[in-house]
Amino acid sequence: MADKTEKTLKRALKRNPEDTQVLAQLVNLLRFTGKHDQALSHLERYLNGHPDDFDALILYGDTLLEVEAYDDAVATFIRTCELKDCAKAHYSLAKSYDNKGMSDEAIKEHNRAIELEPECAEAYYRLGMTYARADKQEEALVAFQKCLKYDQSCAKAHSEMALIYERKDKKDTAIDELKKAVEKDPRNAQWHCNLGAIYGDQGMFDEAINEFRTAIALGSDRAEEHYNLGVALSNKGEVEEAIAEFMEALAVEPDSPKTLFNLGLAYLRKGLNSKAVKCLTECLDLDVDNAKAYFYLGSAYLGKGDVKNAVACFERAVAIQPKDWQSYYYLGVAYDHTGDVEKAKGAYKRAEKLRSERSKPPRGSDSADETS
């Protein structure tokens, strides 16, 4: 269908090369189908005869951005600003600067666009996004709040504010903002996922499970959603359901170390040691220095009665994380099973020393010397 439409538009443009409506339709179709070189060629041919056509220049600059020709895009949009001092031109230039990582220049152009259209909610949203990318979080919050002043229905502004509050470790405020986003746009799966992730971090596993399931029901069938749902179910103790979700995640992304790790851990909790060994071994094939994976793999081997491999795993775990007292303790347990009493004593002694050091208050803390 697209090929037929393309041919029709090309014939129409050939008959009348000055028809800007047909030109725009053809260019947008070529961009949509990934034929950017052809789109640029048609625009350049037209602009050779009409170098000051504002709309054609905007379309040309947008196409240049899509092929990451950022310098040429900047030059094009500077020209549009010279031709017409309007919000659209300055926003387009700001977008080009954003893509080049020139945040200060982008902010200046966004502010000029706002001067020209001071009640444009979208302009404040775009400014907020630039501030956020430049790590100017307070300024971003102000911009998003102004966006909501002029458009209270702007759910995406609430979502972006939530991300900032989460980075500022204001989890409750982040949850409130995401709830507002979801209320205004309940079919946005990503926001349900983001809300579920914060609930999970807060230990609110029932709420997290509900949000991840809602996201999946809305059609978000990414590995990440199934993985996060699996983690929440596992944390709640619903291990069998967690296993099913980790399996779903692996069906989408089979080489995910974190999913293999958590699936192995779930199998271990169910006493399915052979399956745990398989998953944790595959995890370590992809993440060779994962000390926790070696620790749990050692535990699975102990559960199978394979003491030799258990010792090897615990030894590898302490080599990677030499201050992990639990790995030393279970290394001692494994040595005990081999009958090597001296090595077991050494491992237990090391575990106890590390555990006692961990329980001591840091030097210089208020509780370090209560008699002073």
Protein backbone atom coordinates (compact mmCIF):
# COMPACT_ATOMS: atom_id res chain seq x y z
CA MET A 1 0.00 0.00 0.00
CA ALA A 2 2.81 2.42 0.93
CA ASP A 3 4.64 1.69 -2.33
CA LYS A 4 1.50 2.42 -4.34
CA THR A 5 0.92 5.69 -2.47
CA GLU A 6 4.57 6.66 -2.95
CA LYS A 7 4.35 6.15 -6.72
CA THR A 8 1.13 8.17 -6.89
CA LEU A 9 2.66 11.07 -4.96
CA LYS A 10 5.83 11.04 -7.06
CA ARG A 11 3.77 11.22 -10.26
CA ALA A 12 1.74 14.10 -8.83
CA LEU A 13 4.90 15.98 -7.79
CA LYS A 14 6.44 15.43 -11.20
CA ARG A 15 3.38 16.99 -12.81
CA ASN A 16 3.52 19.96 -10.44
CA PRO A 17 6.88 20.39 -8.64
CA GLU A 18 5.50 23.51 -6.89
CA ASP A 19 2.78 21.61 -5.03
CA THR A 20 4.07 21.90 -1.45
CA GLN A 21 1.20 19.83 -0.03
CA VAL A 22 2.12 16.85 -2.20
CA LEU A 23 5.80 17.41 -1.41
CA ALA A 24 5.10 17.30 2.34
CA GLN A 25 2.98 14.16 2.00
CA LEU A 26 5.66 12.41 -0.04
CA VAL A 27 8.49 13.44 2.28
CA ASN A 28 6.61 12.27 5.38
CA LEU A 29 5.81 8.94 3.72
CA LEU A 30 9.47 8.46 2.77
CA ARG A 31 10.54 9.29 6.32
CA PHE A 32 8.00 6.83 7.72
CA THR A 33 9.27 4.05 5.45
CA GLY A 34 12.93 4.79 6.26
CA LYS A 35 13.82 6.32 2.89
CA HIS A 36 15.41 9.43 4.34
CA ASP A 37 17.90 9.90 1.51
CA GLN A 38 15.06 10.20 -1.00
CA ALA A 39 13.16 12.54 1.33
CA LEU A 40 16.17 14.83 1.66
CA SER A 41 16.78 14.73 -2.09
CA HIS A 42 13.20 15.88 -2.87
CA LEU A 43 13.42 18.66 -0.29
CA GLU A 44 16.84 19.86 -1.51
CA ARG A 45 15.56 19.95 -5.08
CA TYR A 46 12.61 22.11 -4.01
CA LEU A 47 14.69 24.35 -1.71
CA ASN A 48 17.17 25.09 -4.48
CA GLY A 49 14.41 27.10 -6.11
CA HIS A 50 12.71 28.23 -2.88
CA PRO A 51 15.49 28.76 -0.31
CA ASP A 52 13.28 30.82 2.03
CA ASP A 53 10.28 28.50 2.24
CA PHE A 54 9.76 28.29 6.00
CA ASP A 55 7.66 25.12 6.08
CA ALA A 56 9.98 23.26 3.71
CA LEU A 57 12.98 24.25 5.83
CA ILE A 58 11.27 22.98 8.98
CA LEU A 59 10.54 19.68 7.24
CA TYR A 60 14.12 19.52 5.96
CA GLY A 61 15.55 20.17 9.44
CA ASP A 62 13.31 17.51 11.02
CA THR A 63 14.48 14.99 8.43
CA LEU A 64 18.12 15.90 9.08
CA LEU A 65 17.55 15.24 12.79
CA GLU A 66 16.25 11.77 12.00
CA VAL A 67 19.49 10.89 10.18
CA GLU A 68 21.52 12.48 13.01
CA ALA A 69 22.90 15.25 10.80
CA TYR A 70 22.76 17.58 13.79
CA ASP A 71 25.09 20.33 12.55
CA ASP A 72 23.13 20.69 9.32
CA ALA A 73 19.87 20.66 11.28
CA VAL A 74 21.10 23.46 13.55
CA ALA A 75 22.09 25.56 10.54
CA THR A 76 18.70 24.93 8.93
CA PHE A 77 16.72 25.91 12.01
CA ILE A 78 18.85 29.02 12.60
CA ARG A 79 17.73 30.04 9.12
CA THR A 80 14.05 29.42 10.00
CA CYS A 81 14.44 31.64 13.08
CA GLU A 82 15.85 34.37 10.87
CA LEU A 83 12.92 34.04 8.49
CA LYS A 84 10.20 33.94 11.15
CA ASP A 85 10.59 34.77 14.85
CA CYS A 86 7.98 32.27 15.99
CA ALA A 87 7.72 29.61 18.69
CA LYS A 88 7.83 26.73 16.19
CA ALA A 89 11.16 27.88 14.75
CA HIS A 90 12.79 28.40 18.15
CA TYR A 91 11.49 25.06 19.46
CA SER A 92 12.91 23.29 16.39
CA LEU A 93 16.28 24.94 16.98
CA ALA A 94 16.14 23.97 20.66
CA LYS A 95 15.48 20.37 19.64
CA SER A 96 18.57 20.42 17.43
CA TYR A 97 20.73 21.81 20.23
CA ASP A 98 19.35 19.14 22.56
CA ASN A 99 20.46 16.43 20.16
CA LYS A 100 23.95 17.95 20.08
CA GLY A 101 24.09 18.01 23.89
CA MET A 102 24.15 21.84 23.90
CA SER A 103 21.76 22.27 26.84
CA ASP A 104 22.38 25.98 27.52
CA GLU A 105 21.65 26.90 23.92
CA ALA A 106 18.58 24.65 23.90
CA ILE A 107 17.24 26.24 27.10
CA LYS A 108 17.69 29.71 25.60
CA GLU A 109 15.67 28.75 22.52
CA HIS A 110 12.93 27.08 24.59
CA ASN A 111 12.61 30.24 26.68
CA ARG A 112 12.33 32.34 23.53
CA ALA A 113 9.55 30.05 22.29
CA ILE A 114 7.77 30.54 25.62
CA GLU A 115 8.13 34.33 25.36
CA LEU A 116 6.34 34.11 22.04
CA GLU A 117 3.66 31.70 23.31
CA PRO A 118 3.59 32.21 27.10
CA GLU A 119 0.58 29.98 27.77
CA CYS A 120 1.73 27.00 25.71
CA ALA A 121 1.82 24.01 28.08
CA GLU A 122 3.81 21.88 25.62
CA ALA A 123 6.54 24.53 25.50
CA TYR A 124 7.00 24.31 29.27
CA TYR A 125 7.05 20.51 29.05
CA ARG A 126 9.81 20.63 26.42
CA LEU A 127 11.78 23.07 28.56
CA GLY A 128 11.38 20.76 31.54
CA MET A 129 12.73 17.83 29.54
CA THR A 130 15.80 19.83 28.56
CA TYR A 131 16.42 20.89 32.15
CA ALA A 132 16.06 17.27 33.28
CA ARG A 133 18.56 16.04 30.68
CA ALA A 134 20.96 18.77 31.85
CA ASP A 135 20.55 17.51 35.45
CA LYS A 136 18.90 20.78 36.50
CA GLN A 137 16.19 19.02 38.47
CA GLU A 138 14.71 21.98 40.38
CA GLU A 139 14.36 24.03 37.20
CA ALA A 140 12.78 21.00 35.50
CA LEU A 141 10.20 20.67 38.28
CA VAL A 142 9.27 24.36 37.93
CA ALA A 143 8.83 23.95 34.16
CA PHE A 144 6.65 20.83 34.53
CA GLN A 145 4.52 22.60 37.16
CA LYS A 146 3.99 25.50 34.75
CA CYS A 147 3.05 23.01 32.07
CA LEU A 148 0.35 21.65 34.38
CA LYS A 149 -0.82 25.18 35.16
CA TYR A 150 -1.81 25.61 31.52
CA ASP A 151 -2.81 21.99 30.87
CA GLN A 152 -3.99 20.09 33.94
CA SER A 153 -4.57 16.99 31.82
CA CYS A 154 -0.86 16.63 30.90
CA ALA A 155 -0.15 13.20 32.38
CA LYS A 156 3.40 13.05 31.02
CA ALA A 157 4.40 16.07 33.12
CA HIS A 158 3.38 14.16 36.26
CA SER A 159 5.38 11.15 35.06
CA GLU A 160 8.53 13.19 34.51
CA MET A 161 8.14 14.87 37.90
CA ALA A 162 7.85 11.43 39.47
CA LEU A 163 11.19 10.40 37.95
CA ILE A 164 12.84 13.49 39.42
CA TYR A 165 11.35 12.91 42.87
CA GLU A 166 12.49 9.30 42.74
CA ARG A 167 16.06 10.40 41.98
CA LYS A 168 15.79 12.82 44.92
CA ASP A 169 14.74 9.83 47.07
CA LYS A 170 11.30 11.33 47.68
CA LYS A 171 9.53 8.05 47.01
CA ASP A 172 6.13 9.02 48.46
CA THR A 173 5.97 12.15 46.32
CA ALA A 174 7.06 10.14 43.28
CA ILE A 175 4.24 7.68 43.93
CA ASP A 176 1.73 10.53 44.21
CA GLU A 177 2.85 12.00 40.88
CA LEU A 178 2.72 8.64 39.09
CA LYS A 179 -0.75 8.00 40.49
CA LYS A 180 -1.85 11.30 38.95
CA ALA A 181 -0.26 10.30 35.63
CA VAL A 182 -2.05 6.93 35.67
CA GLU A 183 -5.36 8.54 36.62
CA LYS A 184 -5.11 10.87 33.62
CA ASP A 185 -3.83 8.23 31.21
CA PRO A 186 -4.69 4.79 32.64
CA ARG A 187 -3.70 2.91 29.48
CA ASN A 188 -0.04 3.95 29.56
CA ALA A 189 1.71 0.69 30.42
CA GLN A 190 5.09 2.32 31.09
CA TRP A 191 3.72 4.46 33.89
CA HIS A 192 2.17 1.41 35.54
CA CYS A 193 5.61 -0.23 35.32
CA ASN A 194 7.32 2.80 36.85
CA LEU A 195 4.77 2.91 39.65
CA GLY A 196 5.21 -0.82 40.27
CA ALA A 197 8.97 -0.41 40.50
CA ILE A 198 8.70 2.29 43.18
CA TYR A 199 6.14 0.25 45.11
CA GLY A 200 8.57 -2.68 45.00
CA ASP A 201 11.42 -0.53 46.32
CA GLN A 202 9.15 0.53 49.18
CA GLY A 203 8.29 -3.06 50.06
CA MET A 204 4.68 -2.57 48.93
CA PHE A 205 4.61 -5.85 47.05
CA ASP A 206 0.82 -6.23 46.61
CA GLU A 207 0.65 -2.79 44.98
CA ALA A 208 3.73 -3.55 42.84
CA ILE A 209 2.25 -6.84 41.66
CA ASN A 210 -1.00 -5.12 40.71
CA GLU A 211 0.78 -2.44 38.66
CA PHE A 212 3.02 -4.88 36.79
CA ARG A 213 0.04 -7.11 35.99
CA THR A 214 -1.88 -4.09 34.74
CA ALA A 215 1.03 -3.13 32.47
CA ILE A 216 1.20 -6.63 31.03
CA ALA A 217 -2.58 -6.69 30.53
CA LEU A 218 -2.28 -3.44 28.59
CA GLY A 219 0.04 -5.18 26.15
CA SER A 220 3.46 -4.42 27.62
CA ASP A 221 4.97 -7.86 27.12
CA ARG A 222 8.60 -6.88 27.57
CA ALA A 223 10.97 -9.08 29.54
CA GLU A 224 11.42 -6.28 32.10
CA GLU A 225 7.76 -6.32 33.16
CA HIS A 226 7.71 -10.09 33.66
CA TYR A 227 11.04 -9.90 35.50
CA ASN A 228 9.85 -7.15 37.82
CA LEU A 229 6.59 -8.99 38.48
CA GLY A 230 8.61 -12.11 39.26
CA VAL A 231 10.78 -10.23 41.76
CA ALA A 232 7.72 -8.75 43.50
CA LEU A 233 6.02 -12.17 43.69
CA SER A 234 9.21 -13.74 45.00
CA ASN A 235 9.56 -11.05 47.67
CA LYS A 236 5.98 -11.74 48.73
CA GLY A 237 6.75 -15.46 49.00
CA GLU A 238 4.71 -16.53 45.96
CA VAL A 239 7.63 -18.48 44.54
CA GLU A 240 5.81 -20.70 42.04
CA GLU A 241 4.15 -17.70 40.41
CA ALA A 242 7.50 -15.90 40.42
CA ILE A 243 9.09 -18.82 38.58
CA ALA A 244 6.39 -18.62 35.91
CA GLU A 245 7.09 -14.90 35.39
CA PHE A 246 10.86 -15.39 35.20
CA MET A 247 10.24 -18.06 32.57
CA GLU A 248 8.10 -15.59 30.60
CA ALA A 249 10.91 -13.03 30.83
CA LEU A 250 13.47 -15.54 29.57
CA ALA A 251 11.21 -16.43 26.64
CA VAL A 252 11.57 -12.80 25.52
CA GLU A 253 15.19 -12.23 26.62
CA PRO A 254 16.91 -15.62 27.10
CA ASP A 255 20.39 -14.25 27.90
CA SER A 256 19.48 -12.07 30.87
CA PRO A 257 21.89 -12.75 33.79
CA LYS A 258 19.62 -11.12 36.36
CA THR A 259 16.60 -13.19 35.31
CA LEU A 260 18.61 -16.43 35.31
CA PHE A 261 19.97 -15.49 38.75
CA ASN A 262 16.54 -14.84 40.23
CA LEU A 263 15.04 -17.93 38.62
CA GLY A 264 17.88 -19.99 40.08
CA LEU A 265 17.28 -18.44 43.49
CA ALA A 266 13.55 -19.22 43.24
CA TYR A 267 14.31 -22.85 42.37
CA LEU A 268 16.68 -22.99 45.35
CA ARG A 269 13.94 -21.73 47.65
CA LYS A 270 11.68 -24.50 46.36
CA GLY A 271 14.39 -27.11 47.00
CA LEU A 272 14.81 -27.77 43.26
CA ASN A 273 18.59 -27.86 43.48
CA SER A 274 19.33 -29.34 40.06
CA LYS A 275 17.28 -26.65 38.31
CA ALA A 276 18.94 -24.01 40.49
CA VAL A 277 22.38 -25.28 39.47
CA LYS A 278 21.45 -25.10 35.80
CA CYS A 279 20.13 -21.51 35.98
CA LEU A 280 22.92 -20.17 38.17
CA THR A 281 25.57 -21.81 35.96
CA GLU A 282 24.00 -20.14 32.90
CA CYS A 283 23.95 -16.84 34.80
CA LEU A 284 27.68 -17.16 35.53
CA ASP A 285 28.41 -17.95 31.88
CA LEU A 286 27.09 -14.44 31.16
CA ASP A 287 28.25 -12.67 34.35
CA VAL A 288 31.49 -14.35 35.36
CA ASP A 289 32.24 -12.24 38.46
CA ASN A 290 28.86 -12.46 40.15
CA ALA A 291 29.82 -13.39 43.71
CA LYS A 292 26.21 -13.85 44.82
CA ALA A 293 25.59 -16.29 41.99
CA TYR A 294 28.61 -18.34 43.11
CA PHE A 295 27.32 -18.25 46.70
CA TYR A 296 23.87 -19.55 45.78
CA LEU A 297 25.31 -22.03 43.30
CA GLY A 298 27.47 -23.37 46.14
CA SER A 299 24.32 -23.65 48.27
CA ALA A 300 22.55 -25.56 45.50
CA TYR A 301 25.49 -27.95 45.15
CA LEU A 302 25.42 -28.50 48.94
CA GLY A 303 21.73 -29.30 48.64
CA LYS A 304 22.58 -31.89 45.98
CA GLY A 305 25.34 -33.36 48.15
CA ASP A 306 28.00 -32.30 45.64
CA VAL A 307 30.49 -31.03 48.20
CA LYS A 308 33.44 -30.71 45.82
CA ASN A 309 31.64 -28.26 43.53
CA ALA A 310 30.16 -26.47 46.53
CA VAL A 311 33.66 -25.81 47.91
CA ALA A 312 34.82 -24.51 44.52
CA CYS A 313 31.85 -22.11 44.31
CA PHE A 314 32.28 -20.73 47.84
CA GLU A 315 36.01 -20.31 47.26
CA ARG A 316 35.26 -18.37 44.10
CA ALA A 317 32.68 -16.25 45.96
CA VAL A 318 35.17 -15.19 48.67
CA ALA A 319 37.82 -14.51 46.04
CA ILE A 320 35.47 -12.01 44.37
CA GLN A 321 34.05 -10.59 47.61
CA PRO A 322 36.66 -11.18 50.32
CA LYS A 323 34.65 -9.30 52.97
CA ASP A 324 31.47 -11.34 52.68
CA TRP A 325 31.21 -13.20 55.98
CA GLN A 326 28.33 -15.44 54.81
CA SER A 327 30.39 -16.88 51.97
CA TYR A 328 33.20 -17.70 54.43
CA TYR A 329 30.72 -19.28 56.82
CA TYR A 330 29.25 -21.58 54.18
CA LEU A 331 32.72 -22.31 52.88
CA GLY A 332 33.39 -23.57 56.39
CA VAL A 333 30.25 -25.70 56.21
CA ALA A 334 31.41 -27.15 52.90
CA TYR A 335 34.90 -27.88 54.31
CA ASP A 336 33.22 -29.61 57.25
CA HIS A 337 31.44 -31.88 54.81
CA THR A 338 34.78 -32.82 53.25
CA GLY A 339 36.22 -33.64 56.68
CA ASP A 340 38.86 -30.90 56.42
CA VAL A 341 38.48 -29.62 59.98
CA GLU A 342 41.40 -27.16 59.89
CA LYS A 343 40.16 -25.40 56.76
CA ALA A 344 36.65 -25.31 58.21
CA LYS A 345 37.95 -23.68 61.41
CA GLY A 346 39.85 -21.10 59.39
CA ALA A 347 36.78 -20.22 57.31
CA TYR A 348 34.53 -19.98 60.39
CA LYS A 349 37.08 -17.78 62.16
CA ARG A 350 37.30 -15.47 59.16
CA ALA A 351 33.49 -15.32 58.93
CA GLU A 352 33.17 -14.37 62.60
CA LYS A 353 35.85 -11.67 62.30
CA LEU A 354 34.16 -10.12 59.26
CA ARG A 355 30.73 -10.27 60.89
CA SER A 356 31.98 -8.57 64.06
CA GLU A 357 33.74 -5.87 62.03
CA ARG A 358 30.54 -5.26 60.12
CA SER A 359 28.57 -4.77 63.35
CA LYS A 360 31.00 -2.18 64.71
CA PRO A 361 29.98 1.50 64.30
CA PRO A 362 32.13 3.42 61.82
CA ARG A 363 35.14 5.26 63.20
CA GLY A 364 34.25 8.81 64.15
CA SER A 365 30.48 8.20 64.43
CA ASP A 366 28.45 9.67 67.30
CA SER A 367 28.04 6.26 68.93
CA ALA A 368 31.67 5.25 68.58
CA ASP A 369 32.72 6.66 71.95
CA GLU A 370 29.88 7.28 74.34
CA THR A 371 32.20 8.13 77.27
CA SER A 372 33.82 11.15 75.68
